[in-house]
């Protein structure tokens, strides 16, 4: 799929549908290709994240507020 800069702004839904169909999207600026958006290889890349907030409630006994307070502790107590 070819998409101009205006298409990215006004027709992002169509661009995302093309990515769902596993199509590459070429970005055009003044009719010349400036870059490509390539669909990810993983089906859902967010689920495989190692970020501490993903799944923090699953299996935890502490309330989420306490977990977040522990994560922020080093940053806010240094002030």
Protein backbone atom coordinates (compact mmCIF):
# COMPACT_ATOMS: atom_id res chain seq x y z
CA UNK A 1 0.00 0.00 0.00
CA UNK A 2 1.19 3.52 -0.74
CA UNK A 3 0.17 6.28 1.67
CA UNK A 4 0.95 9.97 1.55
CA UNK A 5 1.63 12.04 4.62
CA UNK A 6 -1.97 13.29 4.47
CA UNK A 7 -3.21 9.69 4.33
CA UNK A 8 -1.35 9.01 7.56
CA UNK A 9 -3.11 11.94 9.13
CA UNK A 10 -6.64 11.52 7.83
CA UNK A 11 -6.86 7.83 6.88
CA UNK A 12 -4.88 6.11 9.62
CA UNK A 13 -7.64 3.51 9.98
CA UNK A 14 -7.00 2.34 6.40
CA UNK A 15 -3.26 2.18 7.05
CA UNK A 16 -3.82 0.08 10.17
CA UNK A 17 -6.13 -2.25 8.25
CA UNK A 18 -3.39 -2.75 5.66
CA UNK A 19 -0.94 -3.59 8.43
CA UNK A 20 -3.45 -6.09 9.85
CA UNK A 21 -3.47 -7.72 6.42
CA UNK A 22 0.33 -8.00 6.76
CA UNK A 23 0.97 -5.46 3.96
CA UNK A 24 3.92 -3.09 3.88
CA UNK A 25 2.96 0.56 3.76
CA UNK A 26 5.19 2.90 1.75
CA UNK A 27 5.14 6.51 2.92
CA UNK A 28 5.17 9.03 0.08
CA UNK A 29 6.18 12.68 0.34
CA UNK A 30 5.76 14.72 -2.84
CA UNK A 31 5.38 11.45 -4.73
CA UNK A 32 8.69 9.98 -3.57
CA UNK A 33 9.09 7.13 -1.10
CA UNK A 34 10.49 8.41 2.20
CA UNK A 35 10.05 5.27 4.28
CA UNK A 36 8.12 2.09 4.96
CA UNK A 37 6.00 0.78 7.78
CA UNK A 38 6.53 -2.95 8.11
CA UNK A 39 4.04 -5.09 10.07
CA UNK A 40 5.44 -6.72 13.18
CA UNK A 41 6.28 -10.40 13.13
CA UNK A 42 4.51 -11.06 16.41
CA UNK A 43 0.73 -11.27 16.54
CA UNK A 44 0.46 -9.10 19.66
CA UNK A 45 3.74 -7.63 20.84
CA UNK A 46 2.30 -6.11 24.05
CA UNK A 47 1.59 -9.46 25.70
CA UNK A 48 5.23 -10.53 25.48
CA UNK A 49 6.48 -7.39 27.22
CA UNK A 50 8.68 -7.67 30.29
CA UNK A 51 7.46 -4.36 31.67
CA UNK A 52 6.78 -4.61 35.42
CA UNK A 53 3.22 -3.29 35.11
CA UNK A 54 2.06 -6.07 32.75
CA UNK A 55 0.38 -8.76 34.82
CA UNK A 56 1.28 -7.10 38.12
CA UNK A 57 -2.07 -7.94 39.69
CA UNK A 58 -2.07 -11.59 38.62
CA UNK A 59 -0.96 -13.69 41.57
CA UNK A 60 -0.14 -10.65 43.71
CA UNK A 61 -1.56 -10.35 47.20
CA UNK A 62 -0.71 -6.65 47.64
CA UNK A 63 -3.08 -3.98 46.30
CA UNK A 64 -1.98 -2.25 43.07
CA UNK A 65 -1.56 1.09 44.88
CA UNK A 66 1.11 -0.44 47.13
CA UNK A 67 2.95 -1.99 44.19
CA UNK A 68 2.99 1.34 42.33
CA UNK A 69 4.19 3.12 45.49
CA UNK A 70 7.09 0.64 45.73
CA UNK A 71 7.98 1.21 42.08
CA UNK A 72 7.98 5.00 42.55
CA UNK A 73 9.74 4.96 45.91
CA UNK A 74 13.29 5.44 44.64
CA UNK A 75 12.39 8.33 42.42
CA UNK A 76 10.22 10.32 44.84
CA UNK A 77 12.14 9.69 48.07
CA UNK A 78 15.39 11.08 46.59
CA UNK A 79 14.00 14.62 46.34
